C-alpha atoms as a PDB file:
ATOM      1  CA  UNK A   1     -20.959 -32.199-117.106  1.00  0.00           C
ATOM      2  CA  UNK A   2     -22.359 -28.696-117.303  1.00  0.00           C
ATOM      3  CA  UNK A   3     -25.282 -27.303-115.358  1.00  0.00           C
ATOM      4  CA  UNK A   4     -27.595 -27.772-118.348  1.00  0.00           C
ATOM      5  CA  UNK A   5     -26.567 -31.324-119.268  1.00  0.00           C
ATOM      6  CA  UNK A   6     -28.316 -34.234-117.629  1.00  0.00           C
ATOM      7  CA  UNK A   7     -28.850 -37.927-118.084  1.00  0.00           C
ATOM      8  CA  UNK A   8     -31.182 -39.167-120.829  1.00  0.00           C
ATOM      9  CA  UNK A   9     -34.829 -38.746-119.945  1.00  0.00           C
ATOM     10  CA  UNK A  10     -34.321 -36.079-117.325  1.00  0.00           C
ATOM     11  CA  UNK A  11     -34.846 -32.374-117.467  1.00  0.00           C
ATOM     12  CA  UNK A  12     -34.304 -29.511-115.100  1.00  0.00           C
ATOM     13  CA  UNK A  13     -37.171 -27.708-113.475  1.00  0.00           C
ATOM     14  CA  UNK A  14     -36.134 -24.453-115.099  1.00  0.00           C
ATOM     15  CA  UNK A  15     -36.551 -25.866-118.597  1.00  0.00           C
ATOM     16  CA  UNK A  16     -39.866 -27.616-117.874  1.00  0.00           C
ATOM     17  CA  UNK A  17     -41.380 -24.859-115.763  1.00  0.00           C
ATOM     18  CA  UNK A  18     -41.796 -27.212-112.772  1.00  0.00           C
ATOM     19  CA  UNK A  19     -41.286 -26.229-109.170  1.00  0.00           C
ATOM     20  CA  UNK A  20     -38.985 -29.088-108.204  1.00  0.00           C
ATOM     21  CA  UNK A  21     -35.337 -28.368-108.967  1.00  0.00           C
ATOM     22  CA  UNK A  22     -33.118 -31.064-110.424  1.00  0.00           C
ATOM     23  CA  UNK A  23     -33.678 -33.964-112.775  1.00  0.00           C
ATOM     24  CA  UNK A  24     -37.198 -35.199-113.365  1.00  0.00           C
ATOM     25  CA  UNK A  25     -38.103 -38.885-113.845  1.00  0.00           C
ATOM     26  CA  UNK A  26     -38.963 -40.034-117.348  1.00  0.00           C
ATOM     27  CA  UNK A  27     -42.551 -41.172-117.800  1.00  0.00           C
ATOM     28  CA  UNK A  28     -43.212 -44.764-118.848  1.00  0.00           C
ATOM     29  CA  UNK A  29     -46.034 -45.766-121.154  1.00  0.00           C
ATOM     30  CA  UNK A  30     -49.135 -46.721-119.122  1.00  0.00           C
ATOM     31  CA  UNK A  31     -47.337 -45.858-115.858  1.00  0.00           C
ATOM     32  CA  UNK A  32     -46.362 -42.209-116.087  1.00  0.00           C
ATOM     33  CA  UNK A  33     -44.037 -41.470-113.197  1.00  0.00           C
ATOM     34  CA  UNK A  34     -45.836 -43.726-110.700  1.00  0.00           C
ATOM     35  CA  UNK A  35     -42.879 -46.133-110.976  1.00  0.00           C
ATOM     36  CA  UNK A  36     -40.691 -43.788-108.927  1.00  0.00           C
ATOM     37  CA  UNK A  37     -42.507 -44.286-105.610  1.00  0.00           C
ATOM     38  CA  UNK A  38     -44.837 -47.142-106.660  1.00  0.00           C
ATOM     39  CA  UNK A  39     -47.841 -44.947-105.911  1.00  0.00           C
ATOM     40  CA  UNK A  40     -50.895 -43.780-107.831  1.00  0.00           C
ATOM     41  CA  UNK A  41     -52.216 -47.237-108.641  1.00  0.00           C
ATOM     42  CA  UNK A  42     -48.849 -48.642-109.739  1.00  0.00           C
ATOM     43  CA  UNK A  43     -49.757 -52.211-108.746  1.00  0.00           C
ATOM     44  CA  UNK A  44     -53.074 -52.111-110.554  1.00  0.00           C
ATOM     45  CA  UNK A  45     -51.389 -50.649-113.627  1.00  0.00           C
ATOM     46  CA  UNK A  46     -48.856 -53.479-113.636  1.00  0.00           C
ATOM     47  CA  UNK A  47     -51.604 -56.083-113.366  1.00  0.00           C
ATOM     48  CA  UNK A  48     -53.522 -54.313-116.142  1.00  0.00           C
ATOM     49  CA  UNK A  49     -50.436 -54.115-118.360  1.00  0.00           C
ATOM     50  CA  UNK A  50     -49.694 -57.797-117.818  1.00  0.00           C
ATOM     51  CA  UNK A  51     -53.246 -58.918-118.526  1.00  0.00           C
ATOM     52  CA  UNK A  52     -53.627 -56.542-121.464  1.00  0.00           C
ATOM     53  CA  UNK A  53     -50.424 -57.691-123.101  1.00  0.00           C
ATOM     54  CA  UNK A  54     -51.336 -61.347-122.574  1.00  0.00           C
ATOM     55  CA  UNK A  55     -54.772 -60.811-124.135  1.00  0.00           C
ATOM     56  CA  UNK A  56     -53.139 -58.930-127.025  1.00  0.00           C
ATOM     57  CA  UNK A  57     -50.686 -61.807-127.589  1.00  0.00           C
ATOM     58  CA  UNK A  58     -53.499 -64.377-127.639  1.00  0.00           C
ATOM     59  CA  UNK A  59     -55.521 -62.232-130.040  1.00  0.00           C
ATOM     60  CA  UNK A  60     -52.454 -61.819-132.264  1.00  0.00           C
ATOM     61  CA  UNK A  61     -52.001 -65.601-132.355  1.00  0.00           C
ATOM     62  CA  UNK A  62     -55.605 -65.972-133.519  1.00  0.00           C
ATOM     63  CA  UNK A  63     -55.022 -63.398-136.248  1.00  0.00           C
ATOM     64  CA  UNK A  64     -51.925 -65.274-137.418  1.00  0.00           C
ATOM     65  CA  UNK A  65     -53.865 -68.543-137.330  1.00  0.00           C
ATOM     66  CA  UNK A  66     -56.550 -67.040-139.579  1.00  0.00           C
ATOM     67  CA  UNK A  67     -53.851 -65.793-141.929  1.00  0.00           C
ATOM     68  CA  UNK A  68     -52.331 -69.262-142.081  1.00  0.00           C
ATOM     69  CA  UNK A  69     -55.749 -70.763-142.773  1.00  0.00           C
ATOM     70  CA  UNK A  70     -56.054 -68.285-145.630  1.00  0.00           C
ATOM     71  CA  UNK A  71     -52.812 -69.655-147.071  1.00  0.00           C
ATOM     72  CA  UNK A  72     -54.175 -73.195-146.748  1.00  0.00           C
ATOM     73  CA  UNK A  73     -57.389 -72.194-148.518  1.00  0.00           C
ATOM     74  CA  UNK A  74     -55.341 -70.575-151.294  1.00  0.00           C
ATOM     75  CA  UNK A  75     -53.421 -73.865-151.629  1.00  0.00           C
ATOM     76  CA  UNK A  76     -50.057 -72.119-151.949  1.00  0.00           C
ATOM     77  CA  UNK A  77     -48.200 -75.288-150.992  1.00  0.00           C
ATOM     78  CA  UNK A  78     -46.534 -76.670-147.937  1.00  0.00           C
ATOM     79  CA  UNK A  79     -43.206 -74.949-148.648  1.00  0.00           C
ATOM     80  CA  UNK A  80     -44.753 -71.467-148.564  1.00  0.00           C
ATOM     81  CA  UNK A  81     -46.716 -72.310-145.420  1.00  0.00           C
ATOM     82  CA  UNK A  82     -43.579 -73.603-143.731  1.00  0.00           C
ATOM     83  CA  UNK A  83     -41.628 -70.476-144.759  1.00  0.00           C
ATOM     84  CA  UNK A  84     -44.331 -68.200-143.368  1.00  0.00           C
ATOM     85  CA  UNK A  85     -44.360 -70.047-140.038  1.00  0.00           C
ATOM     86  CA  UNK A  86     -40.549 -69.989-139.923  1.00  0.00           C
ATOM     87  CA  UNK A  87     -40.490 -66.261-140.770  1.00  0.00           C
ATOM     88  CA  UNK A  88     -42.915 -65.394-137.970  1.00  0.00           C
ATOM     89  CA  UNK A  89     -41.036 -67.605-135.506  1.00  0.00           C
ATOM     90  CA  UNK A  90     -37.636 -66.062-136.290  1.00  0.00           C
ATOM     91  CA  UNK A  91     -39.003 -62.500-136.360  1.00  0.00           C
ATOM     92  CA  UNK A  92     -40.823 -63.070-133.068  1.00  0.00           C
ATOM     93  CA  UNK A  93     -37.667 -64.400-131.443  1.00  0.00           C
ATOM     94  CA  UNK A  94     -35.616 -61.409-132.642  1.00  0.00           C
ATOM     95  CA  UNK A  95     -38.360 -58.972-131.619  1.00  0.00           C
ATOM     96  CA  UNK A  96     -38.563 -60.585-128.167  1.00  0.00           C
ATOM     97  CA  UNK A  97     -34.801 -60.300-127.678  1.00  0.00           C
ATOM     98  CA  UNK A  98     -34.570 -56.699-128.886  1.00  0.00           C
ATOM     99  CA  UNK A  99     -37.579 -55.627-126.827  1.00  0.00           C
ATOM    100  CA  UNK A 100     -36.164 -57.340-123.742  1.00  0.00           C
ATOM    101  CA  UNK A 101     -32.799 -55.644-124.261  1.00  0.00           C
ATOM    102  CA  UNK A 102     -34.597 -52.318-124.608  1.00  0.00           C
ATOM    103  CA  UNK A 103     -35.908 -52.737-121.059  1.00  0.00           C
ATOM    104  CA  UNK A 104     -32.400 -53.066-119.622  1.00  0.00           C
ATOM    105  CA  UNK A 105     -30.248 -50.667-121.649  1.00  0.00           C
ATOM    106  CA  UNK A 106     -30.475 -47.901-124.209  1.00  0.00           C
ATOM    107  CA  UNK A 107     -29.571 -48.918-127.764  1.00  0.00           C
ATOM    108  CA  UNK A 108     -25.958 -48.188-128.676  1.00  0.00           C
ATOM    109  CA  UNK A 109     -26.937 -47.421-132.276  1.00  0.00           C
ATOM    110  CA  UNK A 110     -30.448 -45.946-132.654  1.00  0.00           C
ATOM    111  CA  UNK A 111     -30.111 -46.106-136.453  1.00  0.00           C
ATOM    112  CA  UNK A 112     -29.695 -49.882-136.213  1.00  0.00           C
ATOM    113  CA  UNK A 113     -32.837 -50.089-134.094  1.00  0.00           C
ATOM    114  CA  UNK A 114     -34.727 -48.095-136.724  1.00  0.00           C
ATOM    115  CA  UNK A 115     -33.642 -50.574-139.390  1.00  0.00           C
ATOM    116  CA  UNK A 116     -35.032 -53.422-137.270  1.00  0.00           C
ATOM    117  CA  UNK A 117     -38.422 -51.749-136.913  1.00  0.00           C
ATOM    118  CA  UNK A 118     -39.956 -53.736-139.809  1.00  0.00           C
ATOM    119  CA  UNK A 119     -38.639 -57.030-138.477  1.00  0.00           C
ATOM    120  CA  UNK A 120     -39.998 -56.201-135.026  1.00  0.00           C
ATOM    121  CA  UNK A 121     -43.350 -55.333-136.590  1.00  0.00           C
ATOM    122  CA  UNK A 122     -43.531 -58.751-138.236  1.00  0.00           C
ATOM    123  CA  UNK A 123     -42.547 -60.432-134.963  1.00  0.00           C
ATOM    124  CA  UNK A 124     -44.938 -58.337-132.901  1.00  0.00           C
ATOM    125  CA  UNK A 125     -45.993 -61.340-130.840  1.00  0.00           C
ATOM    126  CA  UNK A 126     -42.458 -61.593-129.452  1.00  0.00           C
ATOM    127  CA  UNK A 127     -42.518 -57.940-128.439  1.00  0.00           C
ATOM    128  CA  UNK A 128     -45.884 -58.347-126.749  1.00  0.00           C
ATOM    129  CA  UNK A 129     -44.713 -61.439-124.870  1.00  0.00           C
ATOM    130  CA  UNK A 130     -41.560 -59.651-123.715  1.00  0.00           C
ATOM    131  CA  UNK A 131     -43.748 -56.829-122.410  1.00  0.00           C
ATOM    132  CA  UNK A 132     -45.983 -59.356-120.621  1.00  0.00           C
ATOM    133  CA  UNK A 133     -43.116 -61.211-118.956  1.00  0.00           C
ATOM    134  CA  UNK A 134     -41.355 -58.002-117.911  1.00  0.00           C
ATOM    135  CA  UNK A 135     -44.550 -56.552-116.439  1.00  0.00           C
ATOM    136  CA  UNK A 136     -44.751 -59.539-114.076  1.00  0.00           C
ATOM    137  CA  UNK A 137     -41.530 -58.296-112.428  1.00  0.00           C
ATOM    138  CA  UNK A 138     -41.679 -54.502-112.828  1.00  0.00           C
ATOM    139  CA  UNK A 139     -43.044 -51.842-115.108  1.00  0.00           C
ATOM    140  CA  UNK A 140     -41.333 -52.529-118.451  1.00  0.00           C
ATOM    141  CA  UNK A 141     -38.318 -50.231-118.602  1.00  0.00           C
ATOM    142  CA  UNK A 142     -38.515 -49.295-114.922  1.00  0.00           C
ATOM    143  CA  UNK A 143     -35.106 -50.714-113.998  1.00  0.00           C
ATOM    144  CA  UNK A 144     -33.322 -48.768-116.719  1.00  0.00           C
ATOM    145  CA  UNK A 145     -35.164 -45.524-115.993  1.00  0.00           C
ATOM    146  CA  UNK A 146     -34.642 -45.914-112.240  1.00  0.00           C
ATOM    147  CA  UNK A 147     -30.899 -46.401-112.681  1.00  0.00           C
ATOM    148  CA  UNK A 148     -30.660 -43.355-114.976  1.00  0.00           C
ATOM    149  CA  UNK A 149     -32.823 -41.234-112.666  1.00  0.00           C
ATOM    150  CA  UNK A 150     -30.876 -42.146-109.528  1.00  0.00           C
ATOM    151  CA  UNK A 151     -27.565 -41.468-111.311  1.00  0.00           C
ATOM    152  CA  UNK A 152     -28.807 -38.090-112.537  1.00  0.00           C
ATOM    153  CA  UNK A 153     -30.150 -37.245-109.079  1.00  0.00           C
ATOM    154  CA  UNK A 154     -26.844 -38.172-107.413  1.00  0.00           C
ATOM    155  CA  UNK A 155     -24.915 -36.065-109.934  1.00  0.00           C
ATOM    156  CA  UNK A 156     -27.276 -33.146-109.370  1.00  0.00           C
ATOM    157  CA  UNK A 157     -26.898 -33.345-105.590  1.00  0.00           C
ATOM    158  CA  UNK A 158     -23.121 -33.566-105.938  1.00  0.00           C
ATOM    159  CA  UNK A 159     -23.015 -30.533-108.256  1.00  0.00           C
ATOM    160  CA  UNK A 160     -25.298 -28.504-106.001  1.00  0.00           C
ATOM    161  CA  UNK A 161     -23.432 -29.356-102.791  1.00  0.00           C
ATOM    162  CA  UNK A 162     -20.038 -28.470-104.237  1.00  0.00           C
ATOM    163  CA  UNK A 163     -21.223 -24.964-105.172  1.00  0.00           C
ATOM    164  CA  UNK A 164     -22.668 -23.558-102.005  1.00  0.00           C
ATOM    165  CA  UNK A 165     -22.564 -19.879-101.259  1.00  0.00           C
ATOM    166  CA  UNK A 166     -22.063 -16.840-103.406  1.00  0.00           C
ATOM    167  CA  UNK A 167     -18.811 -17.008-105.421  1.00  0.00           C
ATOM    168  CA  UNK A 168     -18.679 -13.222-105.689  1.00  0.00           C
ATOM    169  CA  UNK A 169     -18.728 -12.889-101.902  1.00  0.00           C
ATOM    170  CA  UNK A 170     -15.831 -15.322-101.598  1.00  0.00           C
ATOM    171  CA  UNK A 171     -13.750 -13.350-104.101  1.00  0.00           C
ATOM    172  CA  UNK A 172     -14.506 -10.101-102.217  1.00  0.00           C
ATOM    173  CA  UNK A 173     -13.505 -11.663 -98.896  1.00  0.00           C
ATOM    174  CA  UNK A 174     -10.153 -12.839-100.319  1.00  0.00           C
ATOM    175  CA  UNK A 175      -9.449  -9.403-101.771  1.00  0.00           C
ATOM    176  CA  UNK A 176     -10.186  -7.718 -98.400  1.00  0.00           C
ATOM    177  CA  UNK A 177      -7.948 -10.132 -96.506  1.00  0.00           C
ATOM    178  CA  UNK A 178      -5.008  -9.549 -98.822  1.00  0.00           C
ATOM    179  CA  UNK A 179      -5.366  -5.755 -98.445  1.00  0.00           C
ATOM    180  CA  UNK A 180      -6.443  -5.120-102.039  1.00  0.00           C
ATOM    181  CA  UNK A 181     -10.062  -4.355-101.309  1.00  0.00           C
END
């Protein structure tokens, strides 16, 4: 790993213009970097995220109920109504699973995730519920980001500690000792 390469979501202070050297924590939506030390209203943000996502899920269920009532009014038939309910149930289950997996690990194939974007949009209730359930335990995505940040920080400390001193001074000292200086 070179001096410039770091873990995903981190950046060096030199590239961001910050004053703290080393990797920087990746900001989470609604939480910023308060997840690192659980400060800056982290607890209140988690409660707000949980309540907000629960309210959004309930509102989304009402919207889907109105859409289903529209199908009943249009008298499209029981088969179409059953297919619509089945489609939303399957899409919500897939969206829940993919969203939940996104909180624990980075996708192996981002192109595959992009292809699932439409399916996840249809099953948006599953994504919202996954966000709600995860926010009861931690900020959604916090575990993954914390693991990446701590790994990057440990690698940075290891790289910095193995290169102490001025390499040019060491070369000059060796040359003087061997009588070539």
